[in-house]
Amino acid sequence: MTENKVSVLVPVYGVENYIEKCAKTLFSQTFTEIEYIFVDDCSKDESIKKLNNIIALYPERSTSIRIINHEKNKGVAASRQTAINAATCEFILFVDSDDYIDKEMVEELFFKALSDKAD
């Protein structure tokens, strides 16, 4: 088992129409050393149910995925801070749950950060 290098942090609230596409693009990354941290900020819709359905389609990623649940709605800034506090990797990437990314994005950013000695 390899050690994860990048923490992908995703706040989740009211994105049932977008979370599936977002999660698919995250779990389809060419880079594999990723931990995924989703923070459910008490979403009242089906966002987490839909996220769990997508997670089931990517069993090879399941051990690298965490969903943290807020006990009450705190807003996106607090959700990001919760995710930061839970992150274990040297590099962090924020992705909003209504966005999607190219399948090589994490890999390209990671190796660019290494080559540029980015902090």
PDB file of N, CA and C in Angstrom:
ATOM      1  N   MET A   1       0.842  -1.188   0.000  1.00  0.00           N
ATOM      2  CA  MET A   1       0.000   0.000   0.000  1.00  0.00           C
ATOM      3  C   MET A   1       0.879   1.240   0.000  1.00  0.00           C
ATOM      4  N   THR A   2       0.537   2.205  -0.836  1.00  0.00           N
ATOM      5  CA  THR A   2       1.315   3.432  -0.913  1.00  0.00           C
ATOM      6  C   THR A   2       0.729   4.486   0.005  1.00  0.00           C
ATOM      7  N   GLU A   3       1.573   5.412   0.384  1.00  0.00           N
ATOM      8  CA  GLU A   3       1.141   6.507   1.244  1.00  0.00           C
ATOM      9  C   GLU A   3       0.514   7.604   0.390  1.00  0.00           C
ATOM     10  N   ASN A   4      -0.596   8.148   0.837  1.00  0.00           N
ATOM     11  CA  ASN A   4      -1.246   9.212   0.091  1.00  0.00           C
ATOM     12  C   ASN A   4      -0.403  10.474   0.124  1.00  0.00           C
ATOM     13  N   LYS A   5      -0.440  11.218  -0.966  1.00  0.00           N
ATOM     14  CA  LYS A   5       0.356  12.429  -1.124  1.00  0.00           C
ATOM     15  C   LYS A   5      -0.485  13.693  -1.185  1.00  0.00           C
ATOM     16  N   VAL A   6      -1.751  13.568  -1.608  1.00  0.00           N
ATOM     17  CA  VAL A   6      -2.620  14.727  -1.799  1.00  0.00           C
ATOM     18  C   VAL A   6      -3.946  14.491  -1.086  1.00  0.00           C
ATOM     19  N   SER A   7      -4.355  15.477  -0.296  1.00  0.00           N
ATOM     20  CA  SER A   7      -5.679  15.455   0.326  1.00  0.00           C
ATOM     21  C   SER A   7      -6.609  16.316  -0.520  1.00  0.00           C
ATOM     22  N   VAL A   8      -7.679  15.713  -1.021  1.00  0.00           N
ATOM     23  CA  VAL A   8      -8.691  16.449  -1.774  1.00  0.00           C
ATOM     24  C   VAL A   8      -9.850  16.701  -0.823  1.00  0.00           C
ATOM     25  N   LEU A   9     -10.147  17.984  -0.603  1.00  0.00           N
ATOM     26  CA  LEU A   9     -11.128  18.388   0.407  1.00  0.00           C
ATOM     27  C   LEU A   9     -12.367  18.963  -0.264  1.00  0.00           C
ATOM     28  N   VAL A  10     -13.534  18.426   0.122  1.00  0.00           N
ATOM     29  CA  VAL A  10     -14.774  18.789  -0.558  1.00  0.00           C
ATOM     30  C   VAL A  10     -15.876  19.067   0.470  1.00  0.00           C
ATOM     31  N   PRO A  11     -16.299  20.332   0.600  1.00  0.00           N
ATOM     32  CA  PRO A  11     -17.468  20.621   1.437  1.00  0.00           C
ATOM     33  C   PRO A  11     -18.737  20.218   0.693  1.00  0.00           C
ATOM     34  N   VAL A  12     -19.714  19.696   1.424  1.00  0.00           N
ATOM     35  CA  VAL A  12     -20.948  19.221   0.785  1.00  0.00           C
ATOM     36  C   VAL A  12     -22.147  19.849   1.480  1.00  0.00           C
ATOM     37  N   TYR A  13     -22.946  20.563   0.685  1.00  0.00           N
ATOM     38  CA  TYR A  13     -24.212  21.098   1.185  1.00  0.00           C
ATOM     39  C   TYR A  13     -25.108  21.436  -0.002  1.00  0.00           C
ATOM     40  N   GLY A  14     -26.219  20.772  -0.104  1.00  0.00           N
ATOM     41  CA  GLY A  14     -27.236  21.088  -1.100  1.00  0.00           C
ATOM     42  C   GLY A  14     -26.777  20.946  -2.544  1.00  0.00           C
ATOM     43  N   VAL A  15     -26.047  19.880  -2.834  1.00  0.00           N
ATOM     44  CA  VAL A  15     -25.487  19.716  -4.184  1.00  0.00           C
ATOM     45  C   VAL A  15     -25.916  18.399  -4.838  1.00  0.00           C
ATOM     46  N   GLU A  16     -27.113  17.945  -4.524  1.00  0.00           N
ATOM     47  CA  GLU A  16     -27.560  16.660  -5.065  1.00  0.00           C
ATOM     48  C   GLU A  16     -27.565  16.628  -6.590  1.00  0.00           C
ATOM     49  N   ASN A  17     -27.675  17.779  -7.233  1.00  0.00           N
ATOM     50  CA  ASN A  17     -27.678  17.820  -8.692  1.00  0.00           C
ATOM     51  C   ASN A  17     -26.278  17.803  -9.297  1.00  0.00           C
ATOM     52  N   TYR A  18     -25.249  17.925  -8.467  1.00  0.00           N
ATOM     53  CA  TYR A  18     -23.876  18.059  -8.959  1.00  0.00           C
ATOM     54  C   TYR A  18     -22.884  17.056  -8.383  1.00  0.00           C
ATOM     55  N   ILE A  19     -23.153  16.531  -7.215  1.00  0.00           N
ATOM     56  CA  ILE A  19     -22.162  15.723  -6.489  1.00  0.00           C
ATOM     57  C   ILE A  19     -21.741  14.472  -7.250  1.00  0.00           C
ATOM     58  N   GLU A  20     -22.637  13.874  -8.002  1.00  0.00           N
ATOM     59  CA  GLU A  20     -22.272  12.653  -8.732  1.00  0.00           C
ATOM     60  C   GLU A  20     -21.184  12.938  -9.762  1.00  0.00           C
ATOM     61  N   LYS A  21     -21.353  13.970 -10.553  1.00  0.00           N
ATOM     62  CA  LYS A  21     -20.350  14.308 -11.570  1.00  0.00           C
ATOM     63  C   LYS A  21     -19.038  14.700 -10.896  1.00  0.00           C
ATOM     64  N   CYS A  22     -19.129  15.477  -9.835  1.00  0.00           N
ATOM     65  CA  CYS A  22     -17.931  15.870  -9.096  1.00  0.00           C
ATOM     66  C   CYS A  22     -17.176  14.651  -8.598  1.00  0.00           C
ATOM     67  N   ALA A  23     -17.864  13.768  -7.904  1.00  0.00           N
ATOM     68  CA  ALA A  23     -17.221  12.586  -7.314  1.00  0.00           C
ATOM     69  C   ALA A  23     -16.630  11.675  -8.392  1.00  0.00           C
ATOM     70  N   LYS A  24     -17.322  11.492  -9.479  1.00  0.00           N
ATOM     71  CA  LYS A  24     -16.796  10.649 -10.564  1.00  0.00           C
ATOM     72  C   LYS A  24     -15.475  11.196 -11.082  1.00  0.00           C
ATOM     73  N   THR A  25     -15.389  12.522 -11.248  1.00  0.00           N
ATOM     74  CA  THR A  25     -14.134  13.085 -11.746  1.00  0.00           C
ATOM     75  C   THR A  25     -13.026  12.991 -10.700  1.00  0.00           C
ATOM     76  N   LEU A  26     -13.379  13.051  -9.444  1.00  0.00           N
ATOM     77  CA  LEU A  26     -12.368  12.906  -8.388  1.00  0.00           C
ATOM     78  C   LEU A  26     -11.856  11.475  -8.322  1.00  0.00           C
ATOM     79  N   PHE A  27     -12.753  10.509  -8.361  1.00  0.00           N
ATOM     80  CA  PHE A  27     -12.362   9.108  -8.214  1.00  0.00           C
ATOM     81  C   PHE A  27     -11.759   8.525  -9.493  1.00  0.00           C
ATOM     82  N   SER A  28     -11.864   9.243 -10.598  1.00  0.00           N
ATOM     83  CA  SER A  28     -11.292   8.792 -11.869  1.00  0.00           C
ATOM     84  C   SER A  28      -9.905   9.388 -12.138  1.00  0.00           C
ATOM     85  N   GLN A  29      -9.311   9.989 -11.146  1.00  0.00           N
ATOM     86  CA  GLN A  29      -8.005  10.612 -11.325  1.00  0.00           C
ATOM     87  C   GLN A  29      -6.938   9.582 -11.714  1.00  0.00           C
ATOM     88  N   THR A  30      -6.007   9.995 -12.570  1.00  0.00           N
ATOM     89  CA  THR A  30      -4.894   9.127 -12.948  1.00  0.00           C
ATOM     90  C   THR A  30      -3.917   8.962 -11.787  1.00  0.00           C
ATOM     91  N   PHE A  31      -3.841   9.952 -10.936  1.00  0.00           N
ATOM     92  CA  PHE A  31      -2.995   9.891  -9.735  1.00  0.00           C
ATOM     93  C   PHE A  31      -3.751   9.092  -8.689  1.00  0.00           C
ATOM     94  N   THR A  32      -3.083   8.154  -8.045  1.00  0.00           N
ATOM     95  CA  THR A  32      -3.798   7.264  -7.117  1.00  0.00           C
ATOM     96  C   THR A  32      -3.515   7.536  -5.647  1.00  0.00           C
ATOM     97  N   GLU A  33      -2.512   8.319  -5.345  1.00  0.00           N
ATOM     98  CA  GLU A  33      -2.127   8.535  -3.946  1.00  0.00           C
ATOM     99  C   GLU A  33      -2.885   9.728  -3.349  1.00  0.00           C
ATOM    100  N   ILE A  34      -4.196   9.578  -3.303  1.00  0.00           N
ATOM    101  CA  ILE A  34      -5.098  10.651  -2.878  1.00  0.00           C
ATOM    102  C   ILE A  34      -5.958  10.176  -1.723  1.00  0.00           C
ATOM    103  N   GLU A  35      -6.118  11.054  -0.733  1.00  0.00           N
ATOM    104  CA  GLU A  35      -7.168  10.829   0.263  1.00  0.00           C
ATOM    105  C   GLU A  35      -8.262  11.848  -0.032  1.00  0.00           C
ATOM    106  N   TYR A  36      -9.488  11.406   0.084  1.00  0.00           N
ATOM    107  CA  TYR A  36     -10.646  12.247  -0.187  1.00  0.00           C
ATOM    108  C   TYR A  36     -11.368  12.502   1.120  1.00  0.00           C
ATOM    109  N   ILE A  37     -11.598  13.767   1.420  1.00  0.00           N
ATOM    110  CA  ILE A  37     -12.321  14.123   2.632  1.00  0.00           C
ATOM    111  C   ILE A  37     -13.510  14.989   2.237  1.00  0.00           C
ATOM    112  N   PHE A  38     -14.704  14.453   2.457  1.00  0.00           N
ATOM    113  CA  PHE A  38     -15.947  15.167   2.201  1.00  0.00           C
ATOM    114  C   PHE A  38     -16.511  15.588   3.559  1.00  0.00           C
ATOM    115  N   VAL A  39     -16.954  16.820   3.658  1.00  0.00           N
ATOM    116  CA  VAL A  39     -17.562  17.297   4.902  1.00  0.00           C
ATOM    117  C   VAL A  39     -19.022  17.626   4.620  1.00  0.00           C
ATOM    118  N   ASP A  40     -19.905  16.831   5.221  1.00  0.00           N
ATOM    119  CA  ASP A  40     -21.345  17.045   5.101  1.00  0.00           C
ATOM    120  C   ASP A  40     -21.753  18.101   6.117  1.00  0.00           C
ATOM    121  N   ASP A  41     -22.154  19.261   5.623  1.00  0.00           N
ATOM    122  CA  ASP A  41     -22.547  20.369   6.492  1.00  0.00           C
ATOM    123  C   ASP A  41     -24.056  20.354   6.726  1.00  0.00           C
ATOM    124  N   CYS A  42     -24.564  19.177   7.078  1.00  0.00           N
ATOM    125  CA  CYS A  42     -25.990  18.979   7.366  1.00  0.00           C
ATOM    126  C   CYS A  42     -26.864  19.236   6.141  1.00  0.00           C
ATOM    127  N   SER A  43     -26.419  18.733   5.025  1.00  0.00           N
ATOM    128  CA  SER A  43     -27.174  18.884   3.793  1.00  0.00           C
ATOM    129  C   SER A  43     -28.554  18.265   3.956  1.00  0.00           C
ATOM    130  N   LYS A  44     -29.572  18.980   3.525  1.00  0.00           N
ATOM    131  CA  LYS A  44     -30.959  18.523   3.696  1.00  0.00           C
ATOM    132  C   LYS A  44     -31.482  17.753   2.487  1.00  0.00           C
ATOM    133  N   ASP A  45     -30.666  17.660   1.445  1.00  0.00           N
ATOM    134  CA  ASP A  45     -31.110  16.955   0.244  1.00  0.00           C
ATOM    135  C   ASP A  45     -30.465  15.570   0.181  1.00  0.00           C
ATOM    136  N   GLU A  46     -30.371  15.003  -0.985  1.00  0.00           N
ATOM    137  CA  GLU A  46     -29.850  13.648  -1.179  1.00  0.00           C
ATOM    138  C   GLU A  46     -28.359  13.625  -1.540  1.00  0.00           C
ATOM    139  N   SER A  47     -27.648  14.700  -1.246  1.00  0.00           N
ATOM    140  CA  SER A  47     -26.230  14.798  -1.634  1.00  0.00           C
ATOM    141  C   SER A  47     -25.401  13.627  -1.126  1.00  0.00           C
ATOM    142  N   ILE A  48     -25.499  13.307   0.135  1.00  0.00           N
ATOM    143  CA  ILE A  48     -24.665  12.256   0.718  1.00  0.00           C
ATOM    144  C   ILE A  48     -25.094  10.883   0.218  1.00  0.00           C
ATOM    145  N   LYS A  49     -26.370  10.676   0.051  1.00  0.00           N
ATOM    146  CA  LYS A  49     -26.840   9.408  -0.503  1.00  0.00           C
ATOM    147  C   LYS A  49     -26.273   9.213  -1.910  1.00  0.00           C
ATOM    148  N   LYS A  50     -26.325  10.245  -2.717  1.00  0.00           N
ATOM    149  CA  LYS A  50     -25.792  10.151  -4.073  1.00  0.00           C
ATOM    150  C   LYS A  50     -24.273   9.970  -4.054  1.00  0.00           C
ATOM    151  N   LEU A  51     -23.598  10.643  -3.143  1.00  0.00           N
ATOM    152  CA  LEU A  51     -22.150  10.464  -3.008  1.00  0.00           C
ATOM    153  C   LEU A  51     -21.829   9.013  -2.656  1.00  0.00           C
ATOM    154  N   ASN A  52     -22.528   8.455  -1.709  1.00  0.00           N
ATOM    155  CA  ASN A  52     -22.298   7.056  -1.320  1.00  0.00           C
ATOM    156  C   ASN A  52     -22.553   6.090  -2.477  1.00  0.00           C
ATOM    157  N   ASN A  53     -23.533   6.397  -3.311  1.00  0.00           N
ATOM    158  CA  ASN A  53     -23.793   5.559  -4.491  1.00  0.00           C
ATOM    159  C   ASN A  53     -22.605   5.587  -5.444  1.00  0.00           C
ATOM    160  N   ILE A  54     -21.984   6.731  -5.609  1.00  0.00           N
ATOM    161  CA  ILE A  54     -20.817   6.839  -6.492  1.00  0.00           C
ATOM    162  C   ILE A  54     -19.612   6.154  -5.854  1.00  0.00           C
ATOM    163  N   ILE A  55     -19.430   6.321  -4.564  1.00  0.00           N
ATOM    164  CA  ILE A  55     -18.324   5.651  -3.866  1.00  0.00           C
ATOM    165  C   ILE A  55     -18.385   4.144  -4.102  1.00  0.00           C
ATOM    166  N   ALA A  56     -19.579   3.587  -4.092  1.00  0.00           N
ATOM    167  CA  ALA A  56     -19.753   2.138  -4.302  1.00  0.00           C
ATOM    168  C   ALA A  56     -19.256   1.695  -5.682  1.00  0.00           C
ATOM    169  N   LEU A  57     -19.210   2.601  -6.622  1.00  0.00           N
ATOM    170  CA  LEU A  57     -18.740   2.279  -7.974  1.00  0.00           C
ATOM    171  C   LEU A  57     -17.211   2.281  -8.081  1.00  0.00           C
ATOM    172  N   TYR A  58     -16.541   2.749  -7.049  1.00  0.00           N
ATOM    173  CA  TYR A  58     -15.077   2.858  -7.054  1.00  0.00           C
ATOM    174  C   TYR A  58     -14.496   2.155  -5.824  1.00  0.00           C
ATOM    175  N   PRO A  59     -14.640   0.841  -5.727  1.00  0.00           N
ATOM    176  CA  PRO A  59     -14.169   0.132  -4.525  1.00  0.00           C
ATOM    177  C   PRO A  59     -12.671   0.293  -4.286  1.00  0.00           C
ATOM    178  N   GLU A  60     -11.900   0.494  -5.343  1.00  0.00           N
ATOM    179  CA  GLU A  60     -10.454   0.670  -5.189  1.00  0.00           C
ATOM    180  C   GLU A  60     -10.111   1.980  -4.480  1.00  0.00           C
ATOM    181  N   ARG A  61     -11.029   2.910  -4.442  1.00  0.00           N
ATOM    182  CA  ARG A  61     -10.810   4.204  -3.768  1.00  0.00           C
ATOM    183  C   ARG A  61     -11.426   4.244  -2.365  1.00  0.00           C
ATOM    184  N   SER A  62     -12.275   3.301  -2.054  1.00  0.00           N
ATOM    185  CA  SER A  62     -13.092   3.390  -0.831  1.00  0.00           C
ATOM    186  C   SER A  62     -12.291   3.531   0.456  1.00  0.00           C
ATOM    187  N   THR A  63     -11.128   2.924   0.544  1.00  0.00           N
ATOM    188  CA  THR A  63     -10.345   3.030   1.778  1.00  0.00           C
ATOM    189  C   THR A  63      -9.688   4.398   1.940  1.00  0.00           C
ATOM    190  N   SER A  64      -9.708   5.194   0.878  1.00  0.00           N
ATOM    191  CA  SER A  64      -9.106   6.527   0.924  1.00  0.00           C
ATOM    192  C   SER A  64     -10.151   7.632   1.019  1.00  0.00           C
ATOM    193  N   ILE A  65     -11.397   7.261   1.281  1.00  0.00           N
ATOM    194  CA  ILE A  65     -12.494   8.229   1.322  1.00  0.00           C
ATOM    195  C   ILE A  65     -13.042   8.330   2.744  1.00  0.00           C
ATOM    196  N   ARG A  66     -13.188   9.566   3.210  1.00  0.00           N
ATOM    197  CA  ARG A  66     -13.836   9.808   4.501  1.00  0.00           C
ATOM    198  C   ARG A  66     -14.942  10.836   4.322  1.00  0.00           C
ATOM    199  N   ILE A  67     -16.044  10.603   4.991  1.00  0.00           N
ATOM    200  CA  ILE A  67     -17.119  11.586   5.057  1.00  0.00           C
ATOM    201  C   ILE A  67     -17.249  11.993   6.517  1.00  0.00           C
ATOM    202  N   ILE A  68     -17.059  13.279   6.756  1.00  0.00           N
ATOM    203  CA  ILE A  68     -17.174  13.830   8.103  1.00  0.00           C
ATOM    204  C   ILE A  68     -18.498  14.580   8.171  1.00  0.00           C
ATOM    205  N   ASN A  69     -19.265  14.338   9.214  1.00  0.00           N
ATOM    206  CA  ASN A  69     -20.582  14.959   9.355  1.00  0.00           C
ATOM    207  C   ASN A  69     -20.561  16.027  10.441  1.00  0.00           C
ATOM    208  N   HIS A  70     -20.933  17.241  10.061  1.00  0.00           N
ATOM    209  CA  HIS A  70     -21.139  18.281  11.062  1.00  0.00           C
ATOM    210  C   HIS A  70     -22.441  17.992  11.800  1.00  0.00           C
ATOM    211  N   GLU A  71     -22.466  18.313  13.072  1.00  0.00           N
ATOM    212  CA  GLU A  71     -23.691  18.117  13.862  1.00  0.00           C
ATOM    213  C   GLU A  71     -24.720  19.198  13.590  1.00  0.00           C
ATOM    214  N   LYS A  72     -24.255  20.370  13.153  1.00  0.00           N
ATOM    215  CA  LYS A  72     -25.156  21.449  12.750  1.00  0.00           C
ATOM    216  C   LYS A  72     -24.510  22.185  11.592  1.00  0.00           C
ATOM    217  N   ASN A  73     -25.326  22.877  10.826  1.00  0.00           N
ATOM    218  CA  ASN A  73     -24.823  23.619   9.673  1.00  0.00           C
ATOM    219  C   ASN A  73     -23.920  24.752  10.152  1.00  0.00           C
ATOM    220  N   LYS A  74     -22.696  24.790   9.599  1.00  0.00           N
ATOM    221  CA  LYS A  74     -21.712  25.791  10.014  1.00  0.00           C
ATOM    222  C   LYS A  74     -21.246  26.675   8.864  1.00  0.00           C
ATOM    223  N   GLY A  75     -21.592  26.313   7.635  1.00  0.00           N
ATOM    224  CA  GLY A  75     -21.173  27.100   6.487  1.00  0.00           C
ATOM    225  C   GLY A  75     -19.932  26.525   5.822  1.00  0.00           C
ATOM    226  N   VAL A  76     -19.656  27.026   4.613  1.00  0.00           N
ATOM    227  CA  VAL A  76     -18.587  26.465   3.799  1.00  0.00           C
ATOM    228  C   VAL A  76     -17.203  26.696   4.401  1.00  0.00           C
ATOM    229  N   ALA A  77     -16.970  27.846   5.015  1.00  0.00           N
ATOM    230  CA  ALA A  77     -15.645  28.110   5.597  1.00  0.00           C
ATOM    231  C   ALA A  77     -15.343  27.128   6.720  1.00  0.00           C
ATOM    232  N   ALA A  78     -16.310  26.863   7.568  1.00  0.00           N
ATOM    233  CA  ALA A  78     -16.120  25.902   8.656  1.00  0.00           C
ATOM    234  C   ALA A  78     -15.953  24.488   8.110  1.00  0.00           C
ATOM    235  N   SER A  79     -16.668  24.166   7.037  1.00  0.00           N
ATOM    236  CA  SER A  79     -16.522  22.845   6.416  1.00  0.00           C
ATOM    237  C   SER A  79     -15.117  22.668   5.869  1.00  0.00           C
ATOM    238  N   ARG A  80     -14.589  23.702   5.246  1.00  0.00           N
ATOM    239  CA  ARG A  80     -13.210  23.633   4.739  1.00  0.00           C
ATOM    240  C   ARG A  80     -12.225  23.477   5.890  1.00  0.00           C
ATOM    241  N   GLN A  81     -12.448  24.196   6.977  1.00  0.00           N
ATOM    242  CA  GLN A  81     -11.542  24.084   8.125  1.00  0.00           C
ATOM    243  C   GLN A  81     -11.606  22.691   8.742  1.00  0.00           C
ATOM    244  N   THR A  82     -12.787  22.122   8.829  1.00  0.00           N
ATOM    245  CA  THR A  82     -12.923  20.751   9.324  1.00  0.00           C
ATOM    246  C   THR A  82     -12.115  19.799   8.456  1.00  0.00           C
ATOM    247  N   ALA A  83     -12.210  19.984   7.146  1.00  0.00           N
ATOM    248  CA  ALA A  83     -11.470  19.125   6.214  1.00  0.00           C
ATOM    249  C   ALA A  83      -9.958  19.320   6.366  1.00  0.00           C
ATOM    250  N   ILE A  84      -9.519  20.557   6.499  1.00  0.00           N
ATOM    251  CA  ILE A  84      -8.092  20.835   6.699  1.00  0.00           C
ATOM    252  C   ILE A  84      -7.597  20.127   7.955  1.00  0.00           C
ATOM    253  N   ASN A  85      -8.363  20.223   9.021  1.00  0.00           N
ATOM    254  CA  ASN A  85      -7.974  19.597  10.289  1.00  0.00           C
ATOM    255  C   ASN A  85      -7.875  18.080  10.173  1.00  0.00           C
ATOM    256  N   ALA A  86      -8.631  17.498   9.276  1.00  0.00           N
ATOM    257  CA  ALA A  86      -8.632  16.040   9.103  1.00  0.00           C
ATOM    258  C   ALA A  86      -7.601  15.564   8.083  1.00  0.00           C
ATOM    259  N   ALA A  87      -7.104  16.468   7.266  1.00  0.00           N
ATOM    260  CA  ALA A  87      -6.174  16.100   6.192  1.00  0.00           C
ATOM    261  C   ALA A  87      -4.857  15.572   6.756  1.00  0.00           C
ATOM    262  N   THR A  88      -4.297  14.579   6.069  1.00  0.00           N
ATOM    263  CA  THR A  88      -3.049  13.970   6.524  1.00  0.00           C
ATOM    264  C   THR A  88      -1.911  14.102   5.518  1.00  0.00           C
ATOM    265  N   CYS A  89      -2.168  14.676   4.366  1.00  0.00           N
ATOM    266  CA  CYS A  89      -1.162  14.731   3.302  1.00  0.00           C
ATOM    267  C   CYS A  89      -0.426  16.066   3.277  1.00  0.00           C
ATOM    268  N   GLU A  90       0.714  16.049   2.617  1.00  0.00           N
ATOM    269  CA  GLU A  90       1.529  17.259   2.490  1.00  0.00           C
ATOM    270  C   GLU A  90       0.848  18.313   1.623  1.00  0.00           C
ATOM    271  N   PHE A  91       0.159  17.854   0.573  1.00  0.00           N
ATOM    272  CA  PHE A  91      -0.505  18.780  -0.341  1.00  0.00           C
ATOM    273  C   PHE A  91      -2.011  18.683  -0.193  1.00  0.00           C
ATOM    274  N   ILE A  92      -2.682  19.837  -0.319  1.00  0.00           N
ATOM    275  CA  ILE A  92      -4.136  19.928  -0.191  1.00  0.00           C
ATOM    276  C   ILE A  92      -4.704  20.559  -1.449  1.00  0.00           C
ATOM    277  N   LEU A  93      -5.810  19.990  -1.919  1.00  0.00           N
ATOM    278  CA  LEU A  93      -6.534  20.546  -3.058  1.00  0.00           C
ATOM    279  C   LEU A  93      -7.994  20.702  -2.639  1.00  0.00           C
ATOM    280  N   PHE A  94      -8.512  21.915  -2.760  1.00  0.00           N
ATOM    281  CA  PHE A  94      -9.930  22.164  -2.511  1.00  0.00           C
ATOM    282  C   PHE A  94     -10.705  22.009  -3.809  1.00  0.00           C
ATOM    283  N   VAL A  95     -11.802  21.276  -3.740  1.00  0.00           N
ATOM    284  CA  VAL A  95     -12.718  21.148  -4.874  1.00  0.00           C
ATOM    285  C   VAL A  95     -14.116  21.378  -4.333  1.00  0.00           C
ATOM    286  N   ASP A  96     -14.842  22.302  -4.940  1.00  0.00           N
ATOM    287  CA  ASP A  96     -16.227  22.506  -4.537  1.00  0.00           C
ATOM    288  C   ASP A  96     -17.074  21.375  -5.099  1.00  0.00           C
ATOM    289  N   SER A  97     -18.098  20.993  -4.359  1.00  0.00           N
ATOM    290  CA  SER A  97     -18.886  19.814  -4.707  1.00  0.00           C
ATOM    291  C   SER A  97     -19.803  20.016  -5.909  1.00  0.00           C
ATOM    292  N   ASP A  98     -19.866  21.224  -6.435  1.00  0.00           N
ATOM    293  CA  ASP A  98     -20.622  21.441  -7.668  1.00  0.00           C
ATOM    294  C   ASP A  98     -19.685  21.647  -8.863  1.00  0.00           C
ATOM    295  N   ASP A  99     -18.394  21.340  -8.659  1.00  0.00           N
ATOM    296  CA  ASP A  99     -17.393  21.447  -9.724  1.00  0.00           C
ATOM    297  C   ASP A  99     -16.944  20.060 -10.163  1.00  0.00           C
ATOM    298  N   TYR A 100     -16.231  20.009 -11.259  1.00  0.00           N
ATOM    299  CA  TYR A 100     -15.613  18.767 -11.705  1.00  0.00           C
ATOM    300  C   TYR A 100     -14.246  19.113 -12.286  1.00  0.00           C
ATOM    301  N   ILE A 101     -13.349  18.125 -12.297  1.00  0.00           N
ATOM    302  CA  ILE A 101     -11.977  18.386 -12.702  1.00  0.00           C
ATOM    303  C   ILE A 101     -11.521  17.377 -13.761  1.00  0.00           C
ATOM    304  N   ASP A 102     -10.500  17.755 -14.499  1.00  0.00           N
ATOM    305  CA  ASP A 102      -9.902  16.883 -15.501  1.00  0.00           C
ATOM    306  C   ASP A 102      -9.270  15.680 -14.815  1.00  0.00           C
ATOM    307  N   LYS A 103      -9.273  14.536 -15.481  1.00  0.00           N
ATOM    308  CA  LYS A 103      -8.784  13.297 -14.871  1.00  0.00           C
ATOM    309  C   LYS A 103      -7.300  13.311 -14.546  1.00  0.00           C
ATOM    310  N   GLU A 104      -6.530  14.208 -15.129  1.00  0.00           N
ATOM    311  CA  GLU A 104      -5.101  14.291 -14.852  1.00  0.00           C
ATOM    312  C   GLU A 104      -4.722  15.490 -13.980  1.00  0.00           C
ATOM    313  N   MET A 105      -5.702  16.210 -13.487  1.00  0.00           N
ATOM    314  CA  MET A 105      -5.432  17.439 -12.746  1.00  0.00           C
ATOM    315  C   MET A 105      -4.564  17.212 -11.510  1.00  0.00           C
ATOM    316  N   VAL A 106      -4.921  16.280 -10.673  1.00  0.00           N
ATOM    317  CA  VAL A 106      -4.165  16.068  -9.437  1.00  0.00           C
ATOM    318  C   VAL A 106      -2.728  15.645  -9.761  1.00  0.00           C
ATOM    319  N   GLU A 107      -2.580  14.740 -10.701  1.00  0.00           N
ATOM    320  CA  GLU A 107      -1.249  14.280 -11.085  1.00  0.00           C
ATOM    321  C   GLU A 107      -0.385  15.438 -11.600  1.00  0.00           C
ATOM    322  N   GLU A 108      -0.934  16.242 -12.492  1.00  0.00           N
ATOM    323  CA  GLU A 108      -0.175  17.357 -13.050  1.00  0.00           C
ATOM    324  C   GLU A 108       0.182  18.384 -11.982  1.00  0.00           C
ATOM    325  N   LEU A 109      -0.755  18.720 -11.121  1.00  0.00           N
ATOM    326  CA  LEU A 109      -0.476  19.683 -10.055  1.00  0.00           C
ATOM    327  C   LEU A 109       0.555  19.149  -9.069  1.00  0.00           C
ATOM    328  N   PHE A 110       0.454  17.876  -8.734  1.00  0.00           N
ATOM    329  CA  PHE A 110       1.391  17.281  -7.783  1.00  0.00           C
ATOM    330  C   PHE A 110       2.819  17.338  -8.316  1.00  0.00           C
ATOM    331  N   PHE A 111       3.028  16.882  -9.543  1.00  0.00           N
ATOM    332  CA  PHE A 111       4.386  16.856 -10.085  1.00  0.00           C
ATOM    333  C   PHE A 111       4.909  18.258 -10.385  1.00  0.00           C
ATOM    334  N   LYS A 112       4.037  19.189 -10.715  1.00  0.00           N
ATOM    335  CA  LYS A 112       4.451  20.588 -10.893  1.00  0.00           C
ATOM    336  C   LYS A 112       4.880  21.183  -9.552  1.00  0.00           C
ATOM    337  N   ALA A 113       4.137  20.887  -8.516  1.00  0.00           N
ATOM    338  CA  ALA A 113       4.502  21.375  -7.175  1.00  0.00           C
ATOM    339  C   ALA A 113       5.860  20.821  -6.759  1.00  0.00           C
ATOM    340  N   LEU A 114       6.109  19.549  -7.050  1.00  0.00           N
ATOM    341  CA  LEU A 114       7.413  18.949  -6.712  1.00  0.00           C
ATOM    342  C   LEU A 114       8.526  19.601  -7.517  1.00  0.00           C
ATOM    343  N   SER A 115       8.323  19.743  -8.821  1.00  0.00           N
ATOM    344  CA  SER A 115       9.395  20.292  -9.665  1.00  0.00           C
ATOM    345  C   SER A 115       9.701  21.753  -9.334  1.00  0.00           C
ATOM    346  N   ASP A 116       8.689  22.492  -8.881  1.00  0.00           N
ATOM    347  CA  ASP A 116       8.890  23.896  -8.510  1.00  0.00           C
ATOM    348  C   ASP A 116       9.234  24.068  -7.036  1.00  0.00           C
ATOM    349  N   LYS A 117       9.301  22.944  -6.314  1.00  0.00           N
ATOM    350  CA  LYS A 117       9.553  22.975  -4.870  1.00  0.00           C
ATOM    351  C   LYS A 117       8.555  23.897  -4.151  1.00  0.00           C
ATOM    352  N   ALA A 118       7.302  23.761  -4.550  1.00  0.00           N
ATOM    353  CA  ALA A 118       6.230  24.575  -3.959  1.00  0.00           C
ATOM    354  C   ALA A 118       5.941  24.115  -2.531  1.00  0.00           C
ATOM    355  N   ASP A 119       5.476  25.037  -1.725  1.00  0.00           N
ATOM    356  CA  ASP A 119       5.098  24.674  -0.359  1.00  0.00           C
ATOM    357  C   ASP A 119       3.598  24.534  -0.253  1.00  0.00           C
TER     358      ASP A 119
END
